[in-house]
Amino acid sequence: MNNNNSFWLVNSNRTEVKRFLKNNKIEDRFFEYMFVDTGEIIGLLGNNPPLMKTRVSLKIDEAREIYKRLLSQGWKKTKPVWL
């Protein structure tokens, strides 16, 4: 985990990143939610921030399953690429 409580993954060919970030805006007493942001890497990772393509808010259990599935498909943990 980094300083803004987000978790980052990059795909194996380094063309896409995903950020998993706790969604504190939903006031659901029963479930916690996470934003899952997807970005397209333009050029080399680190030269320019990826272009954000999508953002979805999911229950935290669903986001964890996606995170685990991506890791099993070859995605790797990476440093934050958006502030």
PDB file of N, CA and C in Angstrom:
ATOM      1  N   MET A   1       0.865  -1.173   0.000  1.00  0.00           N
ATOM      2  CA  MET A   1       0.000   0.000   0.000  1.00  0.00           C
ATOM      3  C   MET A   1       0.904   1.226   0.000  1.00  0.00           C
ATOM      4  N   ASN A   2       0.475   2.255  -0.673  1.00  0.00           N
ATOM      5  CA  ASN A   2       1.287   3.460  -0.684  1.00  0.00           C
ATOM      6  C   ASN A   2       0.626   4.543   0.153  1.00  0.00           C
ATOM      7  N   ASN A   3       1.123   5.742   0.004  1.00  0.00           N
ATOM      8  CA  ASN A   3       0.689   6.809   0.905  1.00  0.00           C
ATOM      9  C   ASN A   3      -0.757   7.267   0.708  1.00  0.00           C
ATOM     10  N   ASN A   4      -1.402   6.955  -0.412  1.00  0.00           N
ATOM     11  CA  ASN A   4      -2.804   7.380  -0.542  1.00  0.00           C
ATOM     12  C   ASN A   4      -3.758   6.185  -0.524  1.00  0.00           C
ATOM     13  N   ASN A   5      -3.301   5.079   0.070  1.00  0.00           N
ATOM     14  CA  ASN A   5      -4.128   3.890   0.251  1.00  0.00           C
ATOM     15  C   ASN A   5      -4.651   3.330  -1.070  1.00  0.00           C
ATOM     16  N   SER A   6      -3.818   3.348  -2.090  1.00  0.00           N
ATOM     17  CA  SER A   6      -4.208   2.761  -3.358  1.00  0.00           C
ATOM     18  C   SER A   6      -3.267   1.611  -3.687  1.00  0.00           C
ATOM     19  N   PHE A   7      -3.749   0.716  -4.530  1.00  0.00           N
ATOM     20  CA  PHE A   7      -3.000  -0.447  -4.970  1.00  0.00           C
ATOM     21  C   PHE A   7      -2.958  -0.402  -6.487  1.00  0.00           C
ATOM     22  N   TRP A   8      -1.784  -0.642  -7.061  1.00  0.00           N
ATOM     23  CA  TRP A   8      -1.574  -0.465  -8.495  1.00  0.00           C
ATOM     24  C   TRP A   8      -1.107  -1.752  -9.143  1.00  0.00           C
ATOM     25  N   LEU A   9      -1.610  -2.001 -10.358  1.00  0.00           N
ATOM     26  CA  LEU A   9      -1.166  -3.135 -11.165  1.00  0.00           C
ATOM     27  C   LEU A   9      -0.890  -2.650 -12.585  1.00  0.00           C
ATOM     28  N   VAL A  10       0.063  -3.301 -13.242  1.00  0.00           N
ATOM     29  CA  VAL A  10       0.355  -3.035 -14.652  1.00  0.00           C
ATOM     30  C   VAL A  10       0.323  -4.375 -15.382  1.00  0.00           C
ATOM     31  N   ASN A  11      -0.207  -4.372 -16.625  1.00  0.00           N
ATOM     32  CA  ASN A  11      -0.274  -5.636 -17.355  1.00  0.00           C
ATOM     33  C   ASN A  11       1.105  -6.013 -17.883  1.00  0.00           C
ATOM     34  N   SER A  12       1.248  -7.250 -18.355  1.00  0.00           N
ATOM     35  CA  SER A  12       2.562  -7.789 -18.706  1.00  0.00           C
ATOM     36  C   SER A  12       3.211  -7.072 -19.887  1.00  0.00           C
ATOM     37  N   ASN A  13       2.435  -6.540 -20.817  1.00  0.00           N
ATOM     38  CA  ASN A  13       3.054  -5.821 -21.940  1.00  0.00           C
ATOM     39  C   ASN A  13       3.111  -4.315 -21.693  1.00  0.00           C
ATOM     40  N   ARG A  14       2.790  -3.891 -20.467  1.00  0.00           N
ATOM     41  CA  ARG A  14       2.942  -2.515 -19.997  1.00  0.00           C
ATOM     42  C   ARG A  14       2.184  -1.503 -20.856  1.00  0.00           C
ATOM     43  N   THR A  15       0.954  -1.860 -21.213  1.00  0.00           N
ATOM     44  CA  THR A  15       0.105  -0.955 -21.986  1.00  0.00           C
ATOM     45  C   THR A  15      -1.077  -0.448 -21.178  1.00  0.00           C
ATOM     46  N   GLU A  16      -1.286  -1.028 -19.984  1.00  0.00           N
ATOM     47  CA  GLU A  16      -2.464  -0.674 -19.190  1.00  0.00           C
ATOM     48  C   GLU A  16      -2.131  -0.767 -17.709  1.00  0.00           C
ATOM     49  N   VAL A  17      -2.698   0.154 -16.920  1.00  0.00           N
ATOM     50  CA  VAL A  17      -2.567   0.111 -15.466  1.00  0.00           C
ATOM     51  C   VAL A  17      -3.962   0.122 -14.846  1.00  0.00           C
ATOM     52  N   LYS A  18      -4.033  -0.412 -13.639  1.00  0.00           N
ATOM     53  CA  LYS A  18      -5.270  -0.349 -12.858  1.00  0.00           C
ATOM     54  C   LYS A  18      -4.913   0.155 -11.471  1.00  0.00           C
ATOM     55  N   ARG A  19      -5.765   1.044 -10.966  1.00  0.00           N
ATOM     56  CA  ARG A  19      -5.621   1.553  -9.601  1.00  0.00           C
ATOM     57  C   ARG A  19      -6.848   1.116  -8.816  1.00  0.00           C
ATOM     58  N   PHE A  20      -6.611   0.563  -7.643  1.00  0.00           N
ATOM     59  CA  PHE A  20      -7.668   0.165  -6.718  1.00  0.00           C
ATOM     60  C   PHE A  20      -7.582   1.133  -5.548  1.00  0.00           C
ATOM     61  N   LEU A  21      -8.636   1.918  -5.354  1.00  0.00           N
ATOM     62  CA  LEU A  21      -8.635   3.010  -4.381  1.00  0.00           C
ATOM     63  C   LEU A  21      -9.935   2.965  -3.586  1.00  0.00           C
ATOM     64  N   LYS A  22      -9.822   3.022  -2.267  1.00  0.00           N
ATOM     65  CA  LYS A  22     -11.027   2.979  -1.436  1.00  0.00           C
ATOM     66  C   LYS A  22     -11.941   4.160  -1.754  1.00  0.00           C
ATOM     67  N   ASN A  23     -13.215   3.871  -1.936  1.00  0.00           N
ATOM     68  CA  ASN A  23     -14.231   4.890  -2.224  1.00  0.00           C
ATOM     69  C   ASN A  23     -14.881   5.296  -0.905  1.00  0.00           C
ATOM     70  N   ASN A  24     -14.482   6.443  -0.405  1.00  0.00           N
ATOM     71  CA  ASN A  24     -15.023   6.936   0.869  1.00  0.00           C
ATOM     72  C   ASN A  24     -16.270   7.784   0.676  1.00  0.00           C
ATOM     73  N   LYS A  25     -16.711   7.944  -0.564  1.00  0.00           N
ATOM     74  CA  LYS A  25     -17.852   8.815  -0.846  1.00  0.00           C
ATOM     75  C   LYS A  25     -19.197   8.117  -0.659  1.00  0.00           C
ATOM     76  N   ILE A  26     -19.198   6.803  -0.692  1.00  0.00           N
ATOM     77  CA  ILE A  26     -20.453   6.066  -0.519  1.00  0.00           C
ATOM     78  C   ILE A  26     -20.666   5.809   0.967  1.00  0.00           C
ATOM     79  N   GLU A  27     -21.827   6.165   1.456  1.00  0.00           N
ATOM     80  CA  GLU A  27     -22.128   5.963   2.872  1.00  0.00           C
ATOM     81  C   GLU A  27     -23.089   4.792   3.038  1.00  0.00           C
ATOM     82  N   ASP A  28     -22.577   3.609   2.754  1.00  0.00           N
ATOM     83  CA  ASP A  28     -23.338   2.371   2.891  1.00  0.00           C
ATOM     84  C   ASP A  28     -22.917   1.739   4.217  1.00  0.00           C
ATOM     85  N   ARG A  29     -23.852   1.509   5.074  1.00  0.00           N
ATOM     86  CA  ARG A  29     -23.524   0.973   6.403  1.00  0.00           C
ATOM     87  C   ARG A  29     -23.128  -0.497   6.353  1.00  0.00           C
ATOM     88  N   PHE A  30     -23.401  -1.183   5.238  1.00  0.00           N
ATOM     89  CA  PHE A  30     -23.193  -2.626   5.187  1.00  0.00           C
ATOM     90  C   PHE A  30     -21.996  -3.043   4.335  1.00  0.00           C
ATOM     91  N   PHE A  31     -21.608  -2.225   3.367  1.00  0.00           N
ATOM     92  CA  PHE A  31     -20.534  -2.618   2.459  1.00  0.00           C
ATOM     93  C   PHE A  31     -19.532  -1.489   2.297  1.00  0.00           C
ATOM     94  N   GLU A  32     -18.274  -1.869   2.052  1.00  0.00           N
ATOM     95  CA  GLU A  32     -17.243  -0.916   1.666  1.00  0.00           C
ATOM     96  C   GLU A  32     -17.065  -1.029   0.162  1.00  0.00           C
ATOM     97  N   TYR A  33     -16.667   0.067  -0.466  1.00  0.00           N
ATOM     98  CA  TYR A  33     -16.522   0.096  -1.914  1.00  0.00           C
ATOM     99  C   TYR A  33     -15.130   0.576  -2.305  1.00  0.00           C
ATOM    100  N   MET A  34     -14.699   0.180  -3.488  1.00  0.00           N
ATOM    101  CA  MET A  34     -13.434   0.634  -4.055  1.00  0.00           C
ATOM    102  C   MET A  34     -13.675   1.139  -5.465  1.00  0.00           C
ATOM    103  N   PHE A  35     -12.930   2.177  -5.833  1.00  0.00           N
ATOM    104  CA  PHE A  35     -12.865   2.585  -7.222  1.00  0.00           C
ATOM    105  C   PHE A  35     -11.833   1.692  -7.902  1.00  0.00           C
ATOM    106  N   VAL A  36     -12.130   1.266  -9.107  1.00  0.00           N
ATOM    107  CA  VAL A  36     -11.145   0.585  -9.942  1.00  0.00           C
ATOM    108  C   VAL A  36     -11.004   1.444 -11.192  1.00  0.00           C
ATOM    109  N   ASP A  37      -9.848   2.091 -11.298  1.00  0.00           N
ATOM    110  CA  ASP A  37      -9.545   2.970 -12.425  1.00  0.00           C
ATOM    111  C   ASP A  37      -8.671   2.211 -13.411  1.00  0.00           C
ATOM    112  N   THR A  38      -8.935   2.381 -14.691  1.00  0.00           N
ATOM    113  CA  THR A  38      -8.132   1.767 -15.730  1.00  0.00           C
ATOM    114  C   THR A  38      -7.534   2.870 -16.589  1.00  0.00           C
ATOM    115  N   GLY A  39      -6.240   2.769 -16.845  1.00  0.00           N
ATOM    116  CA  GLY A  39      -5.558   3.762 -17.656  1.00  0.00           C
ATOM    117  C   GLY A  39      -4.750   3.114 -18.765  1.00  0.00           C
ATOM    118  N   GLU A  40      -4.649   3.816 -19.880  1.00  0.00           N
ATOM    119  CA  GLU A  40      -3.862   3.357 -21.021  1.00  0.00           C
ATOM    120  C   GLU A  40      -2.508   4.053 -20.985  1.00  0.00           C
ATOM    121  N   ILE A  41      -1.441   3.267 -21.073  1.00  0.00           N
ATOM    122  CA  ILE A  41      -0.093   3.831 -21.047  1.00  0.00           C
ATOM    123  C   ILE A  41       0.261   4.301 -22.449  1.00  0.00           C
ATOM    124  N   ILE A  42       0.628   5.561 -22.534  1.00  0.00           N
ATOM    125  CA  ILE A  42       1.040   6.166 -23.798  1.00  0.00           C
ATOM    126  C   ILE A  42       2.553   6.358 -23.719  1.00  0.00           C
ATOM    127  N   GLY A  43       3.306   5.760 -24.622  1.00  0.00           N
ATOM    128  CA  GLY A  43       4.771   5.846 -24.563  1.00  0.00           C
ATOM    129  C   GLY A  43       5.301   4.932 -23.475  1.00  0.00           C
ATOM    130  N   LEU A  44       6.373   5.351 -22.815  1.00  0.00           N
ATOM    131  CA  LEU A  44       6.987   4.556 -21.760  1.00  0.00           C
ATOM    132  C   LEU A  44       6.370   4.884 -20.411  1.00  0.00           C
ATOM    133  N   LEU A  45       6.107   3.849 -19.617  1.00  0.00           N
ATOM    134  CA  LEU A  45       5.568   4.057 -18.275  1.00  0.00           C
ATOM    135  C   LEU A  45       6.546   4.908 -17.479  1.00  0.00           C
ATOM    136  N   GLY A  46       6.060   5.969 -16.888  1.00  0.00           N
ATOM    137  CA  GLY A  46       6.887   6.862 -16.093  1.00  0.00           C
ATOM    138  C   GLY A  46       7.197   8.165 -16.803  1.00  0.00           C
ATOM    139  N   ASN A  47       7.189   8.164 -18.151  1.00  0.00           N
ATOM    140  CA  ASN A  47       7.442   9.409 -18.885  1.00  0.00           C
ATOM    141  C   ASN A  47       6.242  10.342 -18.801  1.00  0.00           C
ATOM    142  N   ASN A  48       5.060   9.814 -19.008  1.00  0.00           N
ATOM    143  CA  ASN A  48       3.820  10.582 -18.917  1.00  0.00           C
ATOM    144  C   ASN A  48       2.803   9.763 -18.145  1.00  0.00           C
ATOM    145  N   PRO A  49       1.903  10.412 -17.405  1.00  0.00           N
ATOM    146  CA  PRO A  49       0.877   9.635 -16.711  1.00  0.00           C
ATOM    147  C   PRO A  49      -0.038   8.945 -17.723  1.00  0.00           C
ATOM    148  N   PRO A  50      -0.508   7.749 -17.398  1.00  0.00           N
ATOM    149  CA  PRO A  50      -1.440   7.055 -18.289  1.00  0.00           C
ATOM    150  C   PRO A  50      -2.724   7.858 -18.474  1.00  0.00           C
ATOM    151  N   LEU A  51      -3.359   7.641 -19.585  1.00  0.00           N
ATOM    152  CA  LEU A  51      -4.636   8.273 -19.891  1.00  0.00           C
ATOM    153  C   LEU A  51      -5.740   7.454 -19.228  1.00  0.00           C
ATOM    154  N   MET A  52      -6.461   8.084 -18.261  1.00  0.00           N
ATOM    155  CA  MET A  52      -7.522   7.340 -17.582  1.00  0.00           C
ATOM    156  C   MET A  52      -8.661   7.083 -18.562  1.00  0.00           C
ATOM    157  N   LYS A  53      -9.064   5.813 -18.638  1.00  0.00           N
ATOM    158  CA  LYS A  53     -10.123   5.414 -19.560  1.00  0.00           C
ATOM    159  C   LYS A  53     -11.447   5.149 -18.847  1.00  0.00           C
ATOM    160  N   THR A  54     -11.387   4.463 -17.726  1.00  0.00           N
ATOM    161  CA  THR A  54     -12.631   4.109 -17.033  1.00  0.00           C
ATOM    162  C   THR A  54     -12.445   4.177 -15.522  1.00  0.00           C
ATOM    163  N   ARG A  55     -13.576   4.358 -14.828  1.00  0.00           N
ATOM    164  CA  ARG A  55     -13.624   4.279 -13.367  1.00  0.00           C
ATOM    165  C   ARG A  55     -14.941   3.609 -13.006  1.00  0.00           C
ATOM    166  N   VAL A  56     -14.832   2.559 -12.193  1.00  0.00           N
ATOM    167  CA  VAL A  56     -16.035   1.906 -11.682  1.00  0.00           C
ATOM    168  C   VAL A  56     -15.906   1.821 -10.167  1.00  0.00           C
ATOM    169  N   SER A  57     -17.043   1.796  -9.489  1.00  0.00           N
ATOM    170  CA  SER A  57     -17.071   1.605  -8.048  1.00  0.00           C
ATOM    171  C   SER A  57     -17.683   0.239  -7.780  1.00  0.00           C
ATOM    172  N   LEU A  58     -16.934  -0.590  -7.072  1.00  0.00           N
ATOM    173  CA  LEU A  58     -17.359  -1.962  -6.798  1.00  0.00           C
ATOM    174  C   LEU A  58     -17.317  -2.226  -5.300  1.00  0.00           C
ATOM    175  N   LYS A  59     -18.110  -3.198  -4.867  1.00  0.00           N
ATOM    176  CA  LYS A  59     -17.988  -3.652  -3.484  1.00  0.00           C
ATOM    177  C   LYS A  59     -16.566  -4.157  -3.303  1.00  0.00           C
ATOM    178  N   ILE A  60     -16.033  -3.966  -2.115  1.00  0.00           N
ATOM    179  CA  ILE A  60     -14.626  -4.263  -1.866  1.00  0.00           C
ATOM    180  C   ILE A  60     -14.304  -5.736  -2.140  1.00  0.00           C
ATOM    181  N   ASP A  61     -15.233  -6.639  -1.870  1.00  0.00           N
ATOM    182  CA  ASP A  61     -14.987  -8.063  -2.147  1.00  0.00           C
ATOM    183  C   ASP A  61     -14.833  -8.318  -3.641  1.00  0.00           C
ATOM    184  N   GLU A  62     -15.646  -7.652  -4.459  1.00  0.00           N
ATOM    185  CA  GLU A  62     -15.537  -7.797  -5.914  1.00  0.00           C
ATOM    186  C   GLU A  62     -14.201  -7.247  -6.406  1.00  0.00           C
ATOM    187  N   ALA A  63     -13.801  -6.102  -5.871  1.00  0.00           N
ATOM    188  CA  ALA A  63     -12.525  -5.497  -6.270  1.00  0.00           C
ATOM    189  C   ALA A  63     -11.363  -6.411  -5.898  1.00  0.00           C
ATOM    190  N   ARG A  64     -11.423  -7.038  -4.729  1.00  0.00           N
ATOM    191  CA  ARG A  64     -10.358  -7.969  -4.316  1.00  0.00           C
ATOM    192  C   ARG A  64     -10.275  -9.156  -5.263  1.00  0.00           C
ATOM    193  N   GLU A  65     -11.415  -9.672  -5.678  1.00  0.00           N
ATOM    194  CA  GLU A  65     -11.427 -10.806  -6.614  1.00  0.00           C
ATOM    195  C   GLU A  65     -10.799 -10.417  -7.943  1.00  0.00           C
ATOM    196  N   ILE A  66     -11.130  -9.237  -8.445  1.00  0.00           N
ATOM    197  CA  ILE A  66     -10.541  -8.762  -9.700  1.00  0.00           C
ATOM    198  C   ILE A  66      -9.031  -8.609  -9.538  1.00  0.00           C
ATOM    199  N   TYR A  67      -8.596  -8.038  -8.435  1.00  0.00           N
ATOM    200  CA  TYR A  67      -7.174  -7.848  -8.160  1.00  0.00           C
ATOM    201  C   TYR A  67      -6.446  -9.192  -8.172  1.00  0.00           C
ATOM    202  N   LYS A  68      -6.980 -10.164  -7.460  1.00  0.00           N
ATOM    203  CA  LYS A  68      -6.356 -11.502  -7.401  1.00  0.00           C
ATOM    204  C   LYS A  68      -6.333 -12.154  -8.781  1.00  0.00           C
ATOM    205  N   ARG A  69      -7.431 -12.025  -9.533  1.00  0.00           N
ATOM    206  CA  ARG A  69      -7.502 -12.626 -10.859  1.00  0.00           C
ATOM    207  C   ARG A  69      -6.466 -11.996 -11.798  1.00  0.00           C
ATOM    208  N   LEU A  70      -6.323 -10.682 -11.739  1.00  0.00           N
ATOM    209  CA  LEU A  70      -5.333 -10.010 -12.581  1.00  0.00           C
ATOM    210  C   LEU A  70      -3.916 -10.466 -12.237  1.00  0.00           C
ATOM    211  N   LEU A  71      -3.607 -10.591 -10.950  1.00  0.00           N
ATOM    212  CA  LEU A  71      -2.287 -11.088 -10.552  1.00  0.00           C
ATOM    213  C   LEU A  71      -2.051 -12.489 -11.117  1.00  0.00           C
ATOM    214  N   SER A  72      -3.071 -13.339 -11.080  1.00  0.00           N
ATOM    215  CA  SER A  72      -2.919 -14.705 -11.600  1.00  0.00           C
ATOM    216  C   SER A  72      -2.772 -14.724 -13.121  1.00  0.00           C
ATOM    217  N   GLN A  73      -3.188 -13.633 -13.785  1.00  0.00           N
ATOM    218  CA  GLN A  73      -3.083 -13.536 -15.240  1.00  0.00           C
ATOM    219  C   GLN A  73      -1.786 -12.842 -15.677  1.00  0.00           C
ATOM    220  N   GLY A  74      -0.896 -12.563 -14.744  1.00  0.00           N
ATOM    221  CA  GLY A  74       0.401 -12.000 -15.099  1.00  0.00           C
ATOM    222  C   GLY A  74       0.568 -10.512 -14.853  1.00  0.00           C
ATOM    223  N   TRP A  75      -0.468  -9.847 -14.334  1.00  0.00           N
ATOM    224  CA  TRP A  75      -0.312  -8.430 -13.984  1.00  0.00           C
ATOM    225  C   TRP A  75       0.654  -8.346 -12.802  1.00  0.00           C
ATOM    226  N   LYS A  76       1.389  -7.242 -12.708  1.00  0.00           N
ATOM    227  CA  LYS A  76       2.367  -7.040 -11.642  1.00  0.00           C
ATOM    228  C   LYS A  76       2.036  -5.789 -10.846  1.00  0.00           C
ATOM    229  N   LYS A  77       2.431  -5.818  -9.571  1.00  0.00           N
ATOM    230  CA  LYS A  77       2.294  -4.620  -8.738  1.00  0.00           C
ATOM    231  C   LYS A  77       3.257  -3.564  -9.267  1.00  0.00           C
ATOM    232  N   THR A  78       2.849  -2.311  -9.204  1.00  0.00           N
ATOM    233  CA  THR A  78       3.690  -1.225  -9.679  1.00  0.00           C
ATOM    234  C   THR A  78       3.510  -0.008  -8.785  1.00  0.00           C
ATOM    235  N   LYS A  79       4.374   0.957  -8.984  1.00  0.00           N
ATOM    236  CA  LYS A  79       4.283   2.210  -8.197  1.00  0.00           C
ATOM    237  C   LYS A  79       3.141   3.071  -8.724  1.00  0.00           C
ATOM    238  N   PRO A  80       2.666   4.005  -7.919  1.00  0.00           N
ATOM    239  CA  PRO A  80       1.586   4.900  -8.371  1.00  0.00           C
ATOM    240  C   PRO A  80       2.006   5.702  -9.601  1.00  0.00           C
ATOM    241  N   VAL A  81       1.072   5.879 -10.514  1.00  0.00           N
ATOM    242  CA  VAL A  81       1.352   6.634 -11.732  1.00  0.00           C
ATOM    243  C   VAL A  81       0.436   7.838 -11.898  1.00  0.00           C
ATOM    244  N   TRP A  82      -0.538   7.984 -11.028  1.00  0.00           N
ATOM    245  CA  TRP A  82      -1.371   9.202 -10.954  1.00  0.00           C
ATOM    246  C   TRP A  82      -1.233   9.724  -9.545  1.00  0.00           C
ATOM    247  N   LEU A  83      -1.369  11.002  -9.377  1.00  0.00           N
ATOM    248  CA  LEU A  83      -1.339  11.571  -8.019  1.00  0.00           C
ATOM    249  C   LEU A  83      -2.703  11.520  -7.398  1.00  0.00           C
TER     250      LEU A  83
END
